[in-house]
C-alpha atoms as a PDB file:
ATOM      1  CA  MET A   1      -0.286  -0.032  -0.005  1.00  0.00           C
ATOM      2  CA  ASN A   2       1.322   3.565  -0.834  1.00  0.00           C
ATOM      3  CA  VAL A   3       0.719   6.415   1.036  1.00  0.00           C
ATOM      4  CA  ASP A   4       1.577   9.841   0.041  1.00  0.00           C
ATOM      5  CA  ILE A   5       1.548  13.302   2.138  1.00  0.00           C
ATOM      6  CA  LEU A   6       0.583  16.053  -0.253  1.00  0.00           C
ATOM      7  CA  ARG A   7       0.161  18.614   2.714  1.00  0.00           C
ATOM      8  CA  GLN A   8       0.716  18.504   6.439  1.00  0.00           C
ATOM      9  CA  GLU A   9       0.215  20.999   9.229  1.00  0.00           C
ATOM     10  CA  LYS A  10       0.094  20.250  12.917  1.00  0.00           C
ATOM     11  CA  ASP A  11      -3.853  19.832  13.105  1.00  0.00           C
ATOM     12  CA  GLU A  12      -4.486  18.699   9.278  1.00  0.00           C
ATOM     13  CA  ILE A  13      -2.980  15.986   6.752  1.00  0.00           C
ATOM     14  CA  GLU A  14      -4.208  15.050   3.420  1.00  0.00           C
ATOM     15  CA  LEU A  15      -2.818  11.837   2.129  1.00  0.00           C
ATOM     16  CA  LYS A  16      -2.952   9.843  -0.957  1.00  0.00           C
ATOM     17  CA  MET A  17      -3.511   6.336  -0.715  1.00  0.00           C
ATOM     18  CA  ASP A  18      -4.495   3.289  -2.687  1.00  0.00           C
ATOM     19  CA  ASN A  19      -6.508   1.165  -0.265  1.00  0.00           C
ATOM     20  CA  VAL A  20     -10.185   2.015   0.139  1.00  0.00           C
ATOM     21  CA  THR A  21     -10.555  -0.669   3.503  1.00  0.00           C
ATOM     22  CA  VAL A  22      -7.741   0.779   5.434  1.00  0.00           C
ATOM     23  CA  ALA A  23      -9.357   4.102   4.655  1.00  0.00           C
ATOM     24  CA  GLU A  24     -12.649   3.511   5.527  1.00  0.00           C
ATOM     25  CA  VAL A  25     -11.327   1.358   8.534  1.00  0.00           C
ATOM     26  CA  LEU A  26      -9.312   4.590   9.768  1.00  0.00           C
ATOM     27  CA  ARG A  27     -11.940   6.722   9.145  1.00  0.00           C
ATOM     28  CA  VAL A  28     -14.534   5.101  11.343  1.00  0.00           C
ATOM     29  CA  TYR A  29     -11.870   4.910  14.299  1.00  0.00           C
ATOM     30  CA  LEU A  30     -10.870   8.229  13.714  1.00  0.00           C
ATOM     31  CA  ASN A  31     -14.782   9.598  13.957  1.00  0.00           C
ATOM     32  CA  LYS A  32     -14.801   7.580  17.261  1.00  0.00           C
ATOM     33  CA  GLN A  33     -12.165   9.547  18.631  1.00  0.00           C
ATOM     34  CA  SER A  34     -12.150  13.318  19.127  1.00  0.00           C
ATOM     35  CA  VAL A  35     -11.186  14.309  15.541  1.00  0.00           C
ATOM     36  CA  LYS A  36     -12.808  17.285  14.259  1.00  0.00           C
ATOM     37  CA  PHE A  37     -12.865  15.650  10.346  1.00  0.00           C
ATOM     38  CA  ALA A  38     -11.878  12.924   8.540  1.00  0.00           C
ATOM     39  CA  ALA A  39     -13.297  11.809   5.227  1.00  0.00           C
ATOM     40  CA  TRP A  40     -12.087  10.415   2.038  1.00  0.00           C
ATOM     41  CA  ARG A  41     -12.534  10.975  -1.375  1.00  0.00           C
ATOM     42  CA  ARG A  42     -12.101   9.580  -4.863  1.00  0.00           C
ATOM     43  CA  GLU A  43     -12.871  11.245  -8.327  1.00  0.00           C
ATOM     44  CA  HIS A  44     -13.053   7.689 -10.072  1.00  0.00           C
ATOM     45  CA  PRO A  45     -12.346   4.095  -9.302  1.00  0.00           C
ATOM     46  CA  SER A  46      -8.877   4.179 -11.157  1.00  0.00           C
ATOM     47  CA  LYS A  47      -7.720   7.403  -9.394  1.00  0.00           C
ATOM     48  CA  PRO A  48      -6.030   7.241  -5.881  1.00  0.00           C
ATOM     49  CA  ILE A  49      -7.686   8.265  -2.191  1.00  0.00           C
ATOM     50  CA  ILE A  50      -8.016  11.658  -1.049  1.00  0.00           C
ATOM     51  CA  PHE A  51      -8.170  11.536   2.580  1.00  0.00           C
ATOM     52  CA  ARG A  52      -8.384  14.026   4.974  1.00  0.00           C
ATOM     53  CA  ILE A  53      -8.096  14.739   8.858  1.00  0.00           C
ATOM     54  CA  GLN A  54      -7.892  17.592  10.714  1.00  0.00           C
ATOM     55  CA  ALA A  55      -7.569  17.052  14.602  1.00  0.00           C
ATOM     56  CA  SER A  56      -9.732  19.229  17.611  1.00  0.00           C
ATOM     57  CA  SER A  57      -7.110  18.799  19.712  1.00  0.00           C
ATOM     58  CA  GLY A  58      -3.539  17.651  19.359  1.00  0.00           C
ATOM     59  CA  THR A  59      -1.798  16.454  16.538  1.00  0.00           C
ATOM     60  CA  VAL A  60      -2.846  14.709  13.666  1.00  0.00           C
ATOM     61  CA  LYS A  61       0.005  12.121  14.032  1.00  0.00           C
ATOM     62  CA  LYS A  62      -1.262  10.961  17.835  1.00  0.00           C
ATOM     63  CA  ALA A  63      -5.113  10.858  16.458  1.00  0.00           C
ATOM     64  CA  VAL A  64      -3.431   8.558  13.772  1.00  0.00           C
ATOM     65  CA  SER A  65      -1.570   6.691  16.079  1.00  0.00           C
ATOM     66  CA  ASP A  66      -4.154   6.008  18.818  1.00  0.00           C
ATOM     67  CA  ALA A  67      -6.320   4.714  15.862  1.00  0.00           C
ATOM     68  CA  VAL A  68      -4.318   2.298  14.953  1.00  0.00           C
ATOM     69  CA  LYS A  69      -3.929   1.070  18.407  1.00  0.00           C
ATOM     70  CA  GLU A  70      -7.330   0.395  18.118  1.00  0.00           C
ATOM     71  CA  VAL A  71      -8.035  -0.731  15.120  1.00  0.00           C
ATOM     72  CA  LYS A  72      -4.926  -3.441  16.199  1.00  0.00           C
ATOM     73  CA  LYS A  73      -7.156  -4.157  19.347  1.00  0.00           C
ATOM     74  CA  ASP A  74     -10.027  -4.780  18.194  1.00  0.00           C
ATOM     75  CA  THR A  75      -8.141  -7.351  15.359  1.00  0.00           C
ATOM     76  CA  ASP A  76      -6.495  -9.328  18.161  1.00  0.00           C
ATOM     77  CA  ALA A  77      -9.627  -9.587  20.061  1.00  0.00           C
ATOM     78  CA  ILE A  78     -11.264 -11.258  17.033  1.00  0.00           C
ATOM     79  CA  ILE A  79      -8.345 -13.320  16.203  1.00  0.00           C
ATOM     80  CA  LYS A  80      -8.205 -14.401  19.835  1.00  0.00           C
ATOM     81  CA  LEU A  81     -12.345 -15.457  19.441  1.00  0.00           C
ATOM     82  CA  LEU A  82     -11.769 -17.272  16.439  1.00  0.00           C
ATOM     83  CA  LYS A  83      -8.865 -19.263  17.783  1.00  0.00           C
END
């Protein structure tokens, strides 16, 4: 999976990525947190995704890190249930 940073500030980032599943899961988990805005768009299925995240407090880096930790925790719990 490729992720390119298009624009980055302390409380906002815009990424270009090519995986819809990862973008959607990340969007859901970010919106569960206290982020101001997290959404992705794609002009056409053959084009990459543009993902924009805006933090309400703290940094975007921390918000994404926390969301990824939550995704990992939940997937580990699912794997444990399936064993």
